[in-house]
Amino acid sequence: MAALVAAGYRELAVDPLRAAEYRKRHSVSGATSDTADAHVLADMVRTDAQPTAPGGR
C-alpha cells in the first residue's frame, strides 16, 4: 500500500456492507468475481460521496 500512496494513489476505506449493498443494486446476475468487484468498487468510489473515507478512517 505504501508504494501505491507514494506513487500518488489515494487510500480509501470502503465499508464491506455498503459495497455489498451497492453491488446488489447495480448488478444484474448477482455473480461476483475479483474483476467485477474491482469495477463495482471503482464505480462506487467515483459516483457515491458517502461510502468511503480518506486514509482508511
N, C-alpha and C. Protein backbone atom coordinates (compact mmCIF):
# COMPACT_ATOMS: atom_id res chain seq x y z
N MET A 1 0.82 -1.17 0.00
CA MET A 1 0.00 0.00 0.00
C MET A 1 0.87 1.25 0.00
N ALA A 2 1.95 1.22 0.74
CA ALA A 2 2.82 2.40 0.81
C ALA A 2 3.36 2.79 -0.56
N ALA A 3 3.67 1.81 -1.39
CA ALA A 3 4.18 2.10 -2.73
C ALA A 3 3.12 2.78 -3.59
N LEU A 4 1.86 2.37 -3.45
CA LEU A 4 0.78 2.99 -4.22
C LEU A 4 0.55 4.43 -3.76
N VAL A 5 0.57 4.65 -2.45
CA VAL A 5 0.41 6.01 -1.92
C VAL A 5 1.58 6.87 -2.37
N ALA A 6 2.79 6.33 -2.32
CA ALA A 6 3.97 7.08 -2.76
C ALA A 6 3.89 7.42 -4.25
N ALA A 7 3.21 6.59 -5.03
CA ALA A 7 3.06 6.83 -6.46
C ALA A 7 1.92 7.81 -6.76
N GLY A 8 1.24 8.28 -5.70
CA GLY A 8 0.21 9.30 -5.90
C GLY A 8 -1.22 8.79 -5.84
N TYR A 9 -1.41 7.51 -5.55
CA TYR A 9 -2.76 6.98 -5.42
C TYR A 9 -3.29 7.28 -4.03
N ARG A 10 -4.62 7.49 -3.94
CA ARG A 10 -5.23 7.75 -2.64
C ARG A 10 -5.69 6.44 -2.02
N GLU A 11 -5.58 6.36 -0.72
CA GLU A 11 -6.07 5.20 0.03
C GLU A 11 -7.47 5.52 0.54
N LEU A 12 -8.42 4.63 0.26
CA LEU A 12 -9.79 4.82 0.72
C LEU A 12 -10.27 3.57 1.43
N ALA A 13 -10.96 3.75 2.54
CA ALA A 13 -11.57 2.62 3.24
C ALA A 13 -13.01 2.50 2.75
N VAL A 14 -13.42 1.30 2.42
CA VAL A 14 -14.77 1.06 1.95
C VAL A 14 -15.44 0.06 2.89
N ASP A 15 -16.57 0.44 3.43
CA ASP A 15 -17.34 -0.44 4.31
C ASP A 15 -17.82 -1.65 3.49
N PRO A 16 -17.45 -2.86 3.87
CA PRO A 16 -17.84 -4.06 3.10
C PRO A 16 -19.36 -4.22 2.96
N LEU A 17 -20.11 -3.82 3.98
CA LEU A 17 -21.56 -3.93 3.89
C LEU A 17 -22.13 -2.96 2.86
N ARG A 18 -21.59 -1.75 2.82
CA ARG A 18 -22.03 -0.79 1.80
C ARG A 18 -21.63 -1.26 0.40
N ALA A 19 -20.46 -1.84 0.27
CA ALA A 19 -20.02 -2.36 -1.03
C ALA A 19 -20.95 -3.48 -1.49
N ALA A 20 -21.33 -4.36 -0.57
CA ALA A 20 -22.24 -5.46 -0.92
C ALA A 20 -23.61 -4.93 -1.34
N GLU A 21 -24.12 -3.94 -0.63
CA GLU A 21 -25.41 -3.35 -0.99
C GLU A 21 -25.33 -2.66 -2.35
N TYR A 22 -24.24 -1.94 -2.59
CA TYR A 22 -24.04 -1.28 -3.88
C TYR A 22 -24.01 -2.32 -4.99
N ARG A 23 -23.31 -3.43 -4.77
CA ARG A 23 -23.22 -4.49 -5.77
C ARG A 23 -24.60 -5.05 -6.08
N LYS A 24 -25.41 -5.26 -5.03
CA LYS A 24 -26.77 -5.79 -5.23
C LYS A 24 -27.61 -4.83 -6.07
N ARG A 25 -27.47 -3.54 -5.82
CA ARG A 25 -28.27 -2.54 -6.55
C ARG A 25 -27.84 -2.40 -8.01
N HIS A 26 -26.57 -2.65 -8.31
CA HIS A 26 -26.06 -2.37 -9.64
C HIS A 26 -25.66 -3.60 -10.44
N SER A 27 -25.92 -4.77 -9.91
CA SER A 27 -25.54 -6.00 -10.60
C SER A 27 -26.79 -6.70 -11.10
N VAL A 28 -26.71 -7.26 -12.29
CA VAL A 28 -27.85 -7.95 -12.88
C VAL A 28 -27.90 -9.40 -12.41
N SER A 29 -26.79 -10.09 -12.50
CA SER A 29 -26.81 -11.53 -12.24
C SER A 29 -26.59 -11.90 -10.77
N GLY A 30 -25.96 -11.02 -10.02
CA GLY A 30 -25.63 -11.35 -8.64
C GLY A 30 -24.32 -12.11 -8.52
N ALA A 31 -23.76 -12.54 -9.63
CA ALA A 31 -22.48 -13.25 -9.63
C ALA A 31 -21.37 -12.26 -9.26
N THR A 32 -20.31 -12.78 -8.66
CA THR A 32 -19.21 -11.92 -8.26
C THR A 32 -17.88 -12.54 -8.67
N SER A 33 -16.93 -11.70 -8.93
CA SER A 33 -15.56 -12.11 -9.24
C SER A 33 -14.65 -10.96 -8.83
N ASP A 34 -13.38 -11.20 -8.80
CA ASP A 34 -12.44 -10.14 -8.43
C ASP A 34 -12.53 -8.98 -9.42
N THR A 35 -12.64 -9.30 -10.72
CA THR A 35 -12.73 -8.26 -11.74
C THR A 35 -14.01 -7.46 -11.58
N ALA A 36 -15.13 -8.16 -11.39
CA ALA A 36 -16.41 -7.47 -11.22
C ALA A 36 -16.40 -6.62 -9.95
N ASP A 37 -15.84 -7.16 -8.87
CA ASP A 37 -15.74 -6.41 -7.62
C ASP A 37 -14.89 -5.16 -7.78
N ALA A 38 -13.81 -5.26 -8.52
CA ALA A 38 -12.95 -4.09 -8.76
C ALA A 38 -13.72 -3.01 -9.50
N HIS A 39 -14.50 -3.40 -10.48
CA HIS A 39 -15.30 -2.43 -11.24
C HIS A 39 -16.38 -1.80 -10.34
N VAL A 40 -17.02 -2.61 -9.53
CA VAL A 40 -18.05 -2.11 -8.61
C VAL A 40 -17.43 -1.11 -7.64
N LEU A 41 -16.30 -1.46 -7.04
CA LEU A 41 -15.65 -0.55 -6.09
C LEU A 41 -15.20 0.75 -6.76
N ALA A 42 -14.64 0.65 -7.96
CA ALA A 42 -14.20 1.84 -8.68
C ALA A 42 -15.39 2.75 -8.99
N ASP A 43 -16.50 2.15 -9.42
CA ASP A 43 -17.69 2.92 -9.73
C ASP A 43 -18.27 3.55 -8.47
N MET A 44 -18.27 2.79 -7.38
CA MET A 44 -18.79 3.28 -6.11
C MET A 44 -17.99 4.48 -5.62
N VAL A 45 -16.69 4.40 -5.67
CA VAL A 45 -15.82 5.50 -5.23
C VAL A 45 -16.00 6.71 -6.14
N ARG A 46 -16.19 6.45 -7.43
CA ARG A 46 -16.32 7.54 -8.39
C ARG A 46 -17.64 8.27 -8.27
N THR A 47 -18.73 7.54 -7.97
CA THR A 47 -20.06 8.15 -8.05
C THR A 47 -20.72 8.43 -6.71
N ASP A 48 -20.42 7.69 -5.66
CA ASP A 48 -21.07 7.87 -4.37
C ASP A 48 -20.19 8.69 -3.45
N ALA A 49 -20.77 9.65 -2.76
CA ALA A 49 -19.99 10.52 -1.89
C ALA A 49 -19.76 9.93 -0.50
N GLN A 50 -20.68 9.13 0.02
CA GLN A 50 -20.64 8.68 1.40
C GLN A 50 -19.83 7.42 1.72
N PRO A 51 -19.72 6.43 0.83
CA PRO A 51 -19.23 5.14 1.31
C PRO A 51 -17.75 5.02 1.60
N THR A 52 -16.97 6.06 1.37
CA THR A 52 -15.53 5.94 1.54
C THR A 52 -15.01 6.98 2.51
N ALA A 53 -13.88 6.70 3.11
CA ALA A 53 -13.24 7.64 4.00
C ALA A 53 -11.76 7.74 3.63
N PRO A 54 -11.26 8.95 3.38
CA PRO A 54 -9.84 9.08 3.03
C PRO A 54 -8.94 8.53 4.13
N GLY A 55 -7.88 7.89 3.73
CA GLY A 55 -6.87 7.42 4.68
C GLY A 55 -7.29 6.25 5.53
N GLY A 56 -8.38 5.59 5.15
CA GLY A 56 -8.81 4.43 5.90
C GLY A 56 -9.46 4.75 7.23
N ARG A 57 -10.03 5.95 7.36
CA ARG A 57 -10.69 6.33 8.62
C ARG A 57 -12.16 6.41 8.43
